Protein backbone atom coordinates (compact mmCIF):
# COMPACT_ATOMS: atom_id res chain seq x y z
CA MET A 1 -90.50 65.98 81.58
CA LYS A 2 -90.09 62.46 79.78
CA LYS A 3 -90.32 62.38 76.17
CA LYS A 4 -93.43 60.14 74.75
CA GLY A 5 -92.19 56.87 73.13
CA SER A 6 -88.63 56.99 74.51
CA GLY A 7 -89.37 53.66 76.54
CA GLY A 8 -90.53 51.87 73.68
CA LYS A 9 -86.93 52.70 71.85
CA PHE A 10 -85.31 51.61 75.09
CA LEU A 11 -87.16 48.17 75.03
CA VAL A 12 -86.18 47.83 70.98
CA ILE A 13 -82.42 48.82 71.80
CA THR A 14 -82.25 46.39 74.30
CA ALA A 15 -83.87 43.35 72.61
CA LEU A 16 -81.40 43.84 69.52
CA ILE A 17 -78.72 43.66 72.08
CA LEU A 18 -79.77 40.78 73.68
CA LEU A 19 -80.49 39.03 70.05
CA ALA A 20 -76.87 40.05 69.08
CA ALA A 21 -75.25 38.73 72.13
CA GLY A 22 -77.29 35.38 71.89
CA VAL A 23 -76.57 34.99 68.00
CA THR A 24 -72.72 35.48 69.21
CA ALA A 25 -72.71 33.10 71.71
CA ALA A 26 -74.58 30.47 69.58
CA GLY A 27 -72.02 31.32 66.92
CA LEU A 28 -69.07 30.86 69.47
CA PHE A 29 -70.55 27.85 70.63
CA ILE A 30 -70.63 25.92 67.28
CA THR A 31 -67.30 27.03 65.87
CA SER A 32 -65.78 25.74 69.35
CA ARG A 33 -67.28 22.04 68.85
CA PRO A 34 -64.44 19.98 68.19
CA GLY A 35 -66.52 18.10 65.07
CA TYR A 36 -66.72 21.49 63.34
CA GLN A 37 -63.15 22.16 63.88
CA ALA A 38 -62.16 18.92 62.49
CA GLU A 39 -64.29 19.80 59.56
CA LYS A 40 -62.88 22.94 59.03
CA ALA A 41 -59.27 21.54 59.07
CA VAL A 42 -60.18 18.99 56.20
CA GLU A 43 -61.62 21.96 54.20
CA ALA A 44 -58.59 23.86 54.80
CA PHE A 45 -56.53 20.80 53.30
CA TYR A 46 -58.65 20.27 50.00
CA SER A 47 -58.70 24.19 49.99
CA TYR A 48 -55.24 23.84 49.64
CA GLU A 49 -54.69 21.04 47.40
CA GLN A 50 -57.23 22.58 45.02
CA LYS A 51 -54.99 25.65 44.64
CA GLY A 52 -52.05 23.35 44.09
CA ARG A 53 -50.54 24.54 47.60
CA TYR A 54 -49.22 21.05 48.50
CA ALA A 55 -46.50 22.88 50.81
CA ASP A 56 -49.54 24.26 52.54
CA SER A 57 -51.86 21.11 52.89
CA TRP A 58 -48.66 19.10 54.19
CA LEU A 59 -48.45 21.03 56.95
CA LEU A 60 -52.06 19.96 58.14
CA LEU A 61 -51.00 16.32 57.92
CA HIS A 62 -50.31 14.52 61.08
CA SER A 63 -46.83 13.85 62.13
CA ARG A 64 -47.53 9.93 61.46
CA MET A 65 -48.68 10.97 57.89
CA LYS A 66 -45.62 13.10 57.47
CA ASP A 67 -43.55 9.82 58.65
CA LYS A 68 -44.56 8.35 55.55
CA PHE A 69 -43.64 10.79 53.05
CA GLY A 70 -41.14 13.85 53.31
CA LYS A 71 -42.66 17.31 52.45
CA GLY A 72 -40.65 17.40 49.10
CA HIS A 73 -41.89 14.16 48.00
CA TYR A 74 -45.62 14.64 48.82
CA ILE A 75 -45.63 18.09 46.85
CA GLN A 76 -43.80 16.11 43.73
CA ASP A 77 -46.02 13.20 44.07
CA ARG A 78 -49.33 15.11 44.63
CA ALA A 79 -48.82 17.39 41.57
CA HIS A 80 -47.52 14.72 39.49
CA VAL A 81 -50.26 12.38 40.12
CA PHE A 82 -53.32 14.85 40.17
CA MET A 83 -52.24 17.27 37.79
CA ASN A 84 -49.97 15.64 35.33
CA HIS A 85 -51.51 11.90 34.90
CA PHE A 86 -55.10 13.10 35.20
CA GLY A 87 -54.57 16.17 33.04
CA VAL A 88 -56.55 18.38 35.55
CA GLU A 89 -55.77 22.00 36.65
CA THR A 90 -57.92 22.04 39.73
CA PHE A 91 -61.02 20.01 41.42
CA THR A 92 -64.20 20.52 43.15
CA PHE A 93 -64.88 19.14 46.58
CA THR A 94 -67.57 18.76 48.96
CA THR A 95 -67.45 17.41 52.56
CA GLY A 96 -70.03 15.15 54.00
CA GLU A 97 -71.09 14.08 57.38
CA VAL A 98 -68.63 14.20 60.51
CA THR A 99 -68.51 11.38 62.89
CA HIS A 100 -66.92 10.99 66.04
CA LEU A 101 -64.92 7.66 66.87
CA ASP A 102 -63.67 7.42 70.44
CA THR A 103 -60.59 5.58 69.00
CA TRP A 104 -59.25 4.52 65.61
CA SER A 105 -56.24 3.12 64.11
CA MET A 106 -54.42 4.46 61.09
CA GLU A 107 -53.16 0.58 60.07
CA LYS A 108 -52.86 -2.60 61.75
CA GLY A 109 -50.40 -2.80 64.46
CA THR A 110 -50.11 0.99 65.41
CA ASP A 111 -51.43 2.35 68.42
CA PRO A 112 -54.83 3.62 68.42
CA PHE A 113 -55.71 7.24 68.18
CA LYS A 114 -58.56 8.49 70.73
CA ASN A 115 -60.95 11.08 69.84
CA VAL A 116 -61.16 10.97 66.32
CA TYR A 117 -63.51 12.25 63.62
CA VAL A 118 -64.33 10.91 60.14
CA VAL A 119 -65.29 13.15 57.33
CA SER A 120 -66.25 11.93 53.92
CA VAL A 121 -64.60 13.80 50.89
CA ASP A 122 -65.61 13.79 47.29
CA GLN A 123 -63.29 15.47 45.09
CA THR A 124 -64.36 16.09 41.37
CA PHE A 125 -62.17 16.23 38.67
CA LYS A 126 -62.73 17.32 34.97
CA GLY A 127 -59.31 15.91 32.81
CA LYS A 128 -58.27 14.43 29.83
CA TYR A 129 -59.89 10.82 30.88
CA GLY A 130 -63.25 12.49 31.29
CA ARG A 131 -64.96 13.63 34.38
CA PHE A 132 -64.55 11.61 37.80
CA ARG A 133 -65.01 11.59 41.26
CA LEU A 134 -62.87 9.93 43.93
CA HIS A 135 -64.11 9.22 47.37
CA GLN A 136 -62.47 9.23 50.59
CA ASP A 137 -63.05 8.93 54.45
CA VAL A 138 -60.57 11.43 56.26
CA TYR A 139 -59.54 11.15 59.84
CA VAL A 140 -59.00 13.97 62.01
CA THR A 141 -57.45 14.00 65.45
CA GLU A 142 -55.92 16.88 67.50
CA GLU A 143 -51.87 16.77 67.66
CA LYS A 144 -50.32 19.70 69.35
CA GLY A 145 -53.33 21.97 69.55
CA GLY A 146 -54.17 21.93 66.04
CA TRP A 147 -56.36 19.40 64.04
CA LYS A 148 -54.52 17.23 61.62
CA ILE A 149 -55.38 15.07 58.87
CA LEU A 150 -54.73 11.13 58.67
CA TRP A 151 -55.92 8.52 55.92
CA ASP A 152 -56.79 5.03 56.47
CA TYR A 153 -54.06 2.29 55.61
CA ASN A 154 -55.69 -0.44 57.03
CA LYS A 155 -56.17 -3.46 54.62
């Protein structure tokens, strides 16, 4: 003999399973989008910088950026400029809209990158010279299976 109400429980459980599957699928779709991944790379980069982990942030730079300055120079320079000159211990940052570019060149006379994302970043510092903010558009492209950071050197 069938219990009364067992069909309703089955429908509720089925609906919850379908809802969970839908939410999971939507989450996987969103996080697999290149623009999302590019934004996460920028957030990781500035999170490392925020904590003074410049060796880790340097690893997120594109190889063309690494050609501009070696790891040791980068670590020393970033700490020196931001912490010593500005007299700050850390900063906050926000990222803005993510925009896709079909092609972009880091500087005049270089081969353009394809499939680049631009993420605007605002860093807010509080230091011996007061509160100030730096704005920079950060460019991100895929290199060797990972999303890497580039800066604009165009004049």
